[in-house]
PDB file of all heavy atoms in Angstrom:
ATOM      1  N   ASN A   1       9.314  -1.924   7.267  1.00  0.00           N
ATOM      2  CA  ASN A   1      10.022  -3.039   6.576  1.00  0.00           C
ATOM      3  C   ASN A   1      10.228  -2.824   5.130  1.00  0.00           C
ATOM      4  O   ASN A   1      10.638  -3.735   4.400  1.00  0.00           O
ATOM      5  CB  ASN A   1       9.204  -4.321   6.772  1.00  0.00           C
ATOM      6  CG  ASN A   1       9.222  -4.816   8.259  1.00  0.00           C
ATOM      7  OD1 ASN A   1      10.136  -5.491   8.711  1.00  0.00           O
ATOM      8  ND2 ASN A   1       8.145  -4.454   8.921  1.00  0.00           N
ATOM      9  N   ALA A   2      10.013  -1.577   4.624  1.00  0.00           N
ATOM     10  CA  ALA A   2      10.114  -1.356   3.203  1.00  0.00           C
ATOM     11  C   ALA A   2      11.477  -1.581   2.659  1.00  0.00           C
ATOM     12  O   ALA A   2      11.597  -1.994   1.447  1.00  0.00           O
ATOM     13  CB  ALA A   2       9.676   0.107   2.932  1.00  0.00           C
ATOM     14  N   SER A   3      12.516  -1.380   3.412  1.00  0.00           N
ATOM     15  CA  SER A   3      13.857  -1.614   2.970  1.00  0.00           C
ATOM     16  C   SER A   3      14.143  -3.079   2.625  1.00  0.00           C
ATOM     17  O   SER A   3      15.090  -3.468   1.895  1.00  0.00           O
ATOM     18  CB  SER A   3      14.932  -1.103   3.952  1.00  0.00           C
ATOM     19  OG  SER A   3      14.773  -1.821   5.183  1.00  0.00           O
ATOM     20  N   ARG A   4      13.352  -3.996   3.175  1.00  0.00           N
ATOM     21  CA  ARG A   4      13.445  -5.419   2.926  1.00  0.00           C
ATOM     22  C   ARG A   4      12.747  -5.748   1.572  1.00  0.00           C
ATOM     23  O   ARG A   4      12.965  -6.888   1.085  1.00  0.00           O
ATOM     24  CB  ARG A   4      12.859  -6.249   4.076  1.00  0.00           C
ATOM     25  CG  ARG A   4      13.499  -6.002   5.475  1.00  0.00           C
ATOM     26  CD  ARG A   4      12.711  -6.656   6.541  1.00  0.00           C
ATOM     27  NE  ARG A   4      12.660  -8.103   6.415  1.00  0.00           N
ATOM     28  CZ  ARG A   4      11.871  -8.893   7.120  1.00  0.00           C
ATOM     29  NH1 ARG A   4      11.106  -8.342   8.049  1.00  0.00           N
ATOM     30  NH2 ARG A   4      11.854 -10.191   6.952  1.00  0.00           N
ATOM     31  N   ILE A   5      11.945  -4.864   1.166  1.00  0.00           N
ATOM     32  CA  ILE A   5      11.145  -5.123  -0.088  1.00  0.00           C
ATOM     33  C   ILE A   5      11.829  -4.417  -1.270  1.00  0.00           C
ATOM     34  O   ILE A   5      12.000  -5.023  -2.350  1.00  0.00           O
ATOM     35  CB  ILE A   5       9.764  -4.547   0.073  1.00  0.00           C
ATOM     36  CG1 ILE A   5       9.033  -5.204   1.282  1.00  0.00           C
ATOM     37  CG2 ILE A   5       8.938  -4.745  -1.212  1.00  0.00           C
ATOM     38  CD1 ILE A   5       7.776  -4.417   1.683  1.00  0.00           C
ATOM     39  N   SER A   6      12.288  -3.170  -1.039  1.00  0.00           N
ATOM     40  CA  SER A   6      12.895  -2.351  -2.171  1.00  0.00           C
ATOM     41  C   SER A   6      13.836  -1.332  -1.615  1.00  0.00           C
ATOM     42  O   SER A   6      13.479  -0.582  -0.666  1.00  0.00           O
ATOM     43  CB  SER A   6      11.793  -1.717  -2.979  1.00  0.00           C
ATOM     44  OG  SER A   6      12.319  -0.812  -3.946  1.00  0.00           O
ATOM     45  N   VAL A   7      15.059  -1.316  -2.162  1.00  0.00           N
ATOM     46  CA  VAL A   7      15.985  -0.209  -1.751  1.00  0.00           C
ATOM     47  C   VAL A   7      15.607   1.080  -2.442  1.00  0.00           C
ATOM     48  O   VAL A   7      15.634   2.137  -1.835  1.00  0.00           O
ATOM     49  CB  VAL A   7      17.429  -0.646  -2.046  1.00  0.00           C
ATOM     50  CG1 VAL A   7      18.433   0.473  -1.741  1.00  0.00           C
ATOM     51  CG2 VAL A   7      17.830  -1.924  -1.328  1.00  0.00           C
ATOM     52  N   THR A   8      15.293   0.981  -3.705  1.00  0.00           N
ATOM     53  CA  THR A   8      14.802   2.081  -4.518  1.00  0.00           C
ATOM     54  C   THR A   8      13.659   1.592  -5.389  1.00  0.00           C
ATOM     55  O   THR A   8      13.769   0.573  -5.996  1.00  0.00           O
ATOM     56  CB  THR A   8      15.936   2.676  -5.389  1.00  0.00           C
ATOM     57  OG1 THR A   8      16.473   1.671  -6.303  1.00  0.00           O
ATOM     58  CG2 THR A   8      16.981   3.317  -4.609  1.00  0.00           C
ATOM     59  N   PRO A   9      12.499   2.320  -5.428  1.00  0.00           N
ATOM     60  CA  PRO A   9      12.283   3.565  -4.715  1.00  0.00           C
ATOM     61  C   PRO A   9      12.055   3.414  -3.277  1.00  0.00           C
ATOM     62  O   PRO A   9      11.788   2.255  -2.802  1.00  0.00           O
ATOM     63  CB  PRO A   9      10.991   4.070  -5.398  1.00  0.00           C
ATOM     64  CG  PRO A   9      10.282   2.770  -5.861  1.00  0.00           C
ATOM     65  CD  PRO A   9      11.411   1.833  -6.258  1.00  0.00           C
ATOM     66  N   LYS A  10      12.177   4.444  -2.485  1.00  0.00           N
ATOM     67  CA  LYS A  10      11.934   4.404  -1.031  1.00  0.00           C
ATOM     68  C   LYS A  10      10.492   4.701  -0.679  1.00  0.00           C
ATOM     69  O   LYS A  10       9.867   5.564  -1.266  1.00  0.00           O
ATOM     70  CB  LYS A  10      12.853   5.433  -0.315  1.00  0.00           C
ATOM     71  CG  LYS A  10      14.314   5.019  -0.488  1.00  0.00           C
ATOM     72  CD  LYS A  10      15.232   6.036   0.270  1.00  0.00           C
ATOM     73  CE  LYS A  10      16.714   5.624   0.099  1.00  0.00           C
ATOM     74  NZ  LYS A  10      17.602   6.611   0.852  1.00  0.00           N
ATOM     75  N   ALA A  11       9.980   3.958   0.293  1.00  0.00           N
ATOM     76  CA  ALA A  11       8.565   4.106   0.687  1.00  0.00           C
ATOM     77  C   ALA A  11       8.239   5.537   1.126  1.00  0.00           C
ATOM     78  O   ALA A  11       7.148   6.042   0.899  1.00  0.00           O
ATOM     79  CB  ALA A  11       8.222   3.128   1.766  1.00  0.00           C
ATOM     80  N   GLY A  12       9.194   6.165   1.820  1.00  0.00           N
ATOM     81  CA  GLY A  12       8.910   7.508   2.359  1.00  0.00           C
ATOM     82  C   GLY A  12       8.895   8.635   1.395  1.00  0.00           C
ATOM     83  O   GLY A  12       8.565   9.754   1.700  1.00  0.00           O
ATOM     84  N   ASP A  13       9.202   8.345   0.159  1.00  0.00           N
ATOM     85  CA  ASP A  13       9.214   9.342  -0.868  1.00  0.00           C
ATOM     86  C   ASP A  13       7.855   9.393  -1.655  1.00  0.00           C
ATOM     87  O   ASP A  13       7.833  10.069  -2.642  1.00  0.00           O
ATOM     88  CB  ASP A  13      10.317   9.056  -1.934  1.00  0.00           C
ATOM     89  CG  ASP A  13      11.708   9.207  -1.320  1.00  0.00           C
ATOM     90  OD1 ASP A  13      11.812   9.901  -0.323  1.00  0.00           O
ATOM     91  OD2 ASP A  13      12.670   8.637  -1.916  1.00  0.00           O
ATOM     92  N   HIS A  14       6.866   8.723  -1.129  1.00  0.00           N
ATOM     93  CA  HIS A  14       5.536   8.697  -1.801  1.00  0.00           C
ATOM     94  C   HIS A  14       4.399   8.796  -0.767  1.00  0.00           C
ATOM     95  O   HIS A  14       4.591   8.515   0.405  1.00  0.00           O
ATOM     96  CB  HIS A  14       5.408   7.338  -2.557  1.00  0.00           C
ATOM     97  CG  HIS A  14       6.436   7.163  -3.586  1.00  0.00           C
ATOM     98  ND1 HIS A  14       7.651   6.613  -3.359  1.00  0.00           N
ATOM     99  CD2 HIS A  14       6.453   7.416  -4.926  1.00  0.00           C
ATOM    100  CE1 HIS A  14       8.417   6.546  -4.434  1.00  0.00           C
ATOM    101  NE2 HIS A  14       7.626   7.020  -5.411  1.00  0.00           N
ATOM    102  N   ASN A  15       3.219   9.224  -1.292  1.00  0.00           N
ATOM    103  CA  ASN A  15       2.038   9.187  -0.580  1.00  0.00           C
ATOM    104  C   ASN A  15       1.194   8.049  -1.111  1.00  0.00           C
ATOM    105  O   ASN A  15       1.293   7.656  -2.242  1.00  0.00           O
ATOM    106  CB  ASN A  15       1.265  10.487  -0.699  1.00  0.00           C
ATOM    107  CG  ASN A  15       1.955  11.639  -0.023  1.00  0.00           C
ATOM    108  OD1 ASN A  15       2.732  11.434   0.921  1.00  0.00           O
ATOM    109  ND2 ASN A  15       1.695  12.832  -0.418  1.00  0.00           N
ATOM    110  N   TYR A  16       0.283   7.515  -0.239  1.00  0.00           N
ATOM    111  CA  TYR A  16      -0.472   6.302  -0.662  1.00  0.00           C
ATOM    112  C   TYR A  16      -1.932   6.455  -0.372  1.00  0.00           C
ATOM    113  O   TYR A  16      -2.369   7.065   0.640  1.00  0.00           O
ATOM    114  CB  TYR A  16       0.053   5.080   0.215  1.00  0.00           C
ATOM    115  CG  TYR A  16       1.481   4.811   0.011  1.00  0.00           C
ATOM    116  CD1 TYR A  16       2.407   5.500   0.826  1.00  0.00           C
ATOM    117  CD2 TYR A  16       2.009   3.985  -0.932  1.00  0.00           C
ATOM    118  CE1 TYR A  16       3.784   5.291   0.693  1.00  0.00           C
ATOM    119  CE2 TYR A  16       3.332   3.749  -1.081  1.00  0.00           C
ATOM    120  CZ  TYR A  16       4.245   4.411  -0.291  1.00  0.00           C
ATOM    121  OH  TYR A  16       5.572   4.170  -0.383  1.00  0.00           O
ATOM    122  N   HIS A  17      -2.752   6.013  -1.348  1.00  0.00           N
ATOM    123  CA  HIS A  17      -4.161   5.991  -1.180  1.00  0.00           C
ATOM    124  C   HIS A  17      -4.624   4.547  -1.258  1.00  0.00           C
ATOM    125  O   HIS A  17      -4.437   3.885  -2.270  1.00  0.00           O
ATOM    126  CB  HIS A  17      -4.845   6.822  -2.325  1.00  0.00           C
ATOM    127  CG  HIS A  17      -6.344   6.750  -2.279  1.00  0.00           C
ATOM    128  ND1 HIS A  17      -7.113   7.088  -3.369  1.00  0.00           N
ATOM    129  CD2 HIS A  17      -7.241   6.414  -1.270  1.00  0.00           C
ATOM    130  CE1 HIS A  17      -8.374   6.911  -3.076  1.00  0.00           C
ATOM    131  NE2 HIS A  17      -8.505   6.489  -1.812  1.00  0.00           N
ATOM    132  N   ILE A  18      -5.117   4.055  -0.162  1.00  0.00           N
ATOM    133  CA  ILE A  18      -5.646   2.686   0.028  1.00  0.00           C
ATOM    134  C   ILE A  18      -7.125   2.614  -0.122  1.00  0.00           C
ATOM    135  O   ILE A  18      -7.874   3.178   0.763  1.00  0.00           O
ATOM    136  CB  ILE A  18      -5.193   2.016   1.262  1.00  0.00           C
ATOM    137  CG1 ILE A  18      -3.676   2.067   1.437  1.00  0.00           C
ATOM    138  CG2 ILE A  18      -5.700   0.575   1.386  1.00  0.00           C
ATOM    139  CD1 ILE A  18      -3.144   1.583   2.778  1.00  0.00           C
ATOM    140  N   HIS A  19      -7.678   2.023  -1.196  1.00  0.00           N
ATOM    141  CA  HIS A  19      -9.096   1.934  -1.454  1.00  0.00           C
ATOM    142  C   HIS A  19      -9.497   0.481  -1.356  1.00  0.00           C
ATOM    143  O   HIS A  19      -8.889  -0.421  -1.892  1.00  0.00           O
ATOM    144  CB  HIS A  19      -9.419   2.461  -2.785  1.00  0.00           C
ATOM    145  CG  HIS A  19     -10.896   2.431  -3.161  1.00  0.00           C
ATOM    146  ND1 HIS A  19     -11.772   3.335  -2.599  1.00  0.00           N
ATOM    147  CD2 HIS A  19     -11.619   1.626  -3.984  1.00  0.00           C
ATOM    148  CE1 HIS A  19     -12.994   3.092  -3.076  1.00  0.00           C
ATOM    149  NE2 HIS A  19     -12.890   2.039  -3.881  1.00  0.00           N
ATOM    150  N   VAL A  20     -10.556   0.234  -0.575  1.00  0.00           N
ATOM    151  CA  VAL A  20     -11.036  -1.146  -0.322  1.00  0.00           C
ATOM    152  C   VAL A  20     -12.375  -1.333  -1.002  1.00  0.00           C
ATOM    153  O   VAL A  20     -13.329  -0.560  -0.704  1.00  0.00           O
ATOM    154  CB  VAL A  20     -11.124  -1.493   1.169  1.00  0.00           C
ATOM    155  CG1 VAL A  20     -11.637  -2.960   1.355  1.00  0.00           C
ATOM    156  CG2 VAL A  20      -9.805  -1.359   1.855  1.00  0.00           C
ATOM    157  N   VAL A  21     -12.524  -2.333  -1.859  1.00  0.00           N
ATOM    158  CA  VAL A  21     -13.775  -2.679  -2.558  1.00  0.00           C
ATOM    159  C   VAL A  21     -14.276  -3.964  -1.942  1.00  0.00           C
ATOM    160  O   VAL A  21     -13.536  -4.967  -1.861  1.00  0.00           O
ATOM    161  CB  VAL A  21     -13.566  -2.859  -4.040  1.00  0.00           C
ATOM    162  CG1 VAL A  21     -14.924  -3.083  -4.734  1.00  0.00           C
ATOM    163  CG2 VAL A  21     -12.916  -1.567  -4.640  1.00  0.00           C
ATOM    164  N   GLU A  22     -15.538  -4.014  -1.464  1.00  0.00           N
ATOM    165  CA  GLU A  22     -16.110  -5.268  -0.976  1.00  0.00           C
ATOM    166  C   GLU A  22     -17.235  -5.665  -1.864  1.00  0.00           C
ATOM    167  O   GLU A  22     -18.059  -4.805  -2.273  1.00  0.00           O
ATOM    168  CB  GLU A  22     -16.545  -5.119   0.477  1.00  0.00           C
ATOM    169  CG  GLU A  22     -17.529  -4.035   0.814  1.00  0.00           C
ATOM    170  CD  GLU A  22     -18.897  -4.602   1.015  1.00  0.00           C
ATOM    171  OE1 GLU A  22     -19.073  -5.836   0.930  1.00  0.00           O
ATOM    172  OE2 GLU A  22     -19.878  -3.808   1.270  1.00  0.00           O
ATOM    173  N   PHE A  23     -17.283  -6.944  -2.258  1.00  0.00           N
ATOM    174  CA  PHE A  23     -18.154  -7.389  -3.354  1.00  0.00           C
ATOM    175  C   PHE A  23     -19.446  -8.099  -2.863  1.00  0.00           C
ATOM    176  O   PHE A  23     -20.368  -8.193  -3.634  1.00  0.00           O
ATOM    177  CB  PHE A  23     -17.350  -8.305  -4.224  1.00  0.00           C
ATOM    178  CG  PHE A  23     -16.315  -7.619  -5.019  1.00  0.00           C
ATOM    179  CD1 PHE A  23     -14.975  -7.641  -4.583  1.00  0.00           C
ATOM    180  CD2 PHE A  23     -16.630  -7.019  -6.254  1.00  0.00           C
ATOM    181  CE1 PHE A  23     -14.012  -6.992  -5.286  1.00  0.00           C
ATOM    182  CE2 PHE A  23     -15.669  -6.418  -6.996  1.00  0.00           C
ATOM    183  CZ  PHE A  23     -14.322  -6.388  -6.542  1.00  0.00           C
ATOM    184  N   HIS A  24     -19.423  -8.657  -1.704  1.00  0.00           N
ATOM    185  CA  HIS A  24     -20.552  -9.537  -1.247  1.00  0.00           C
ATOM    186  C   HIS A  24     -21.404  -8.943  -0.136  1.00  0.00           C
ATOM    187  O   HIS A  24     -22.104  -9.655   0.558  1.00  0.00           O
ATOM    188  CB  HIS A  24     -20.016 -10.866  -0.804  1.00  0.00           C
ATOM    189  CG  HIS A  24     -19.377 -11.697  -1.955  1.00  0.00           C
ATOM    190  ND1 HIS A  24     -18.145 -12.254  -1.866  1.00  0.00           N
ATOM    191  CD2 HIS A  24     -19.848 -11.943  -3.143  1.00  0.00           C
ATOM    192  CE1 HIS A  24     -17.864 -12.837  -3.016  1.00  0.00           C
ATOM    193  NE2 HIS A  24     -18.936 -12.721  -3.823  1.00  0.00           N
ATOM    194  N   ASN A  25     -21.328  -7.644   0.035  1.00  0.00           N
ATOM    195  CA  ASN A  25     -22.123  -6.936   1.130  1.00  0.00           C
ATOM    196  C   ASN A  25     -21.868  -7.560   2.430  1.00  0.00           C
ATOM    197  O   ASN A  25     -22.758  -7.668   3.317  1.00  0.00           O
ATOM    198  CB  ASN A  25     -23.636  -7.050   0.766  1.00  0.00           C
ATOM    199  CG  ASN A  25     -23.970  -6.265  -0.484  1.00  0.00           C
ATOM    200  OD1 ASN A  25     -23.472  -5.144  -0.702  1.00  0.00           O
ATOM    201  ND2 ASN A  25     -24.883  -6.790  -1.292  1.00  0.00           N
ATOM    202  N   ALA A  26     -20.623  -7.961   2.657  1.00  0.00           N
ATOM    203  CA  ALA A  26     -20.211  -8.575   3.959  1.00  0.00           C
ATOM    204  C   ALA A  26     -19.853  -7.477   4.958  1.00  0.00           C
ATOM    205  O   ALA A  26     -19.615  -7.828   6.103  1.00  0.00           O
ATOM    206  CB  ALA A  26     -19.059  -9.511   3.761  1.00  0.00           C
ATOM    207  N   GLY A  27     -19.793  -6.252   4.541  1.00  0.00           N
ATOM    208  CA  GLY A  27     -19.410  -5.160   5.439  1.00  0.00           C
ATOM    209  C   GLY A  27     -17.936  -4.959   5.552  1.00  0.00           C
ATOM    210  O   GLY A  27     -17.200  -5.676   4.885  1.00  0.00           O
TER     211      GLY A  27
END
């Protein structure tokens, strides 16, 4: 659905690193 968000830049032209931080020791 990236084209509904942005025409340029295009999502497929990038790599992504998703980092999750949890603060309350909830797992």
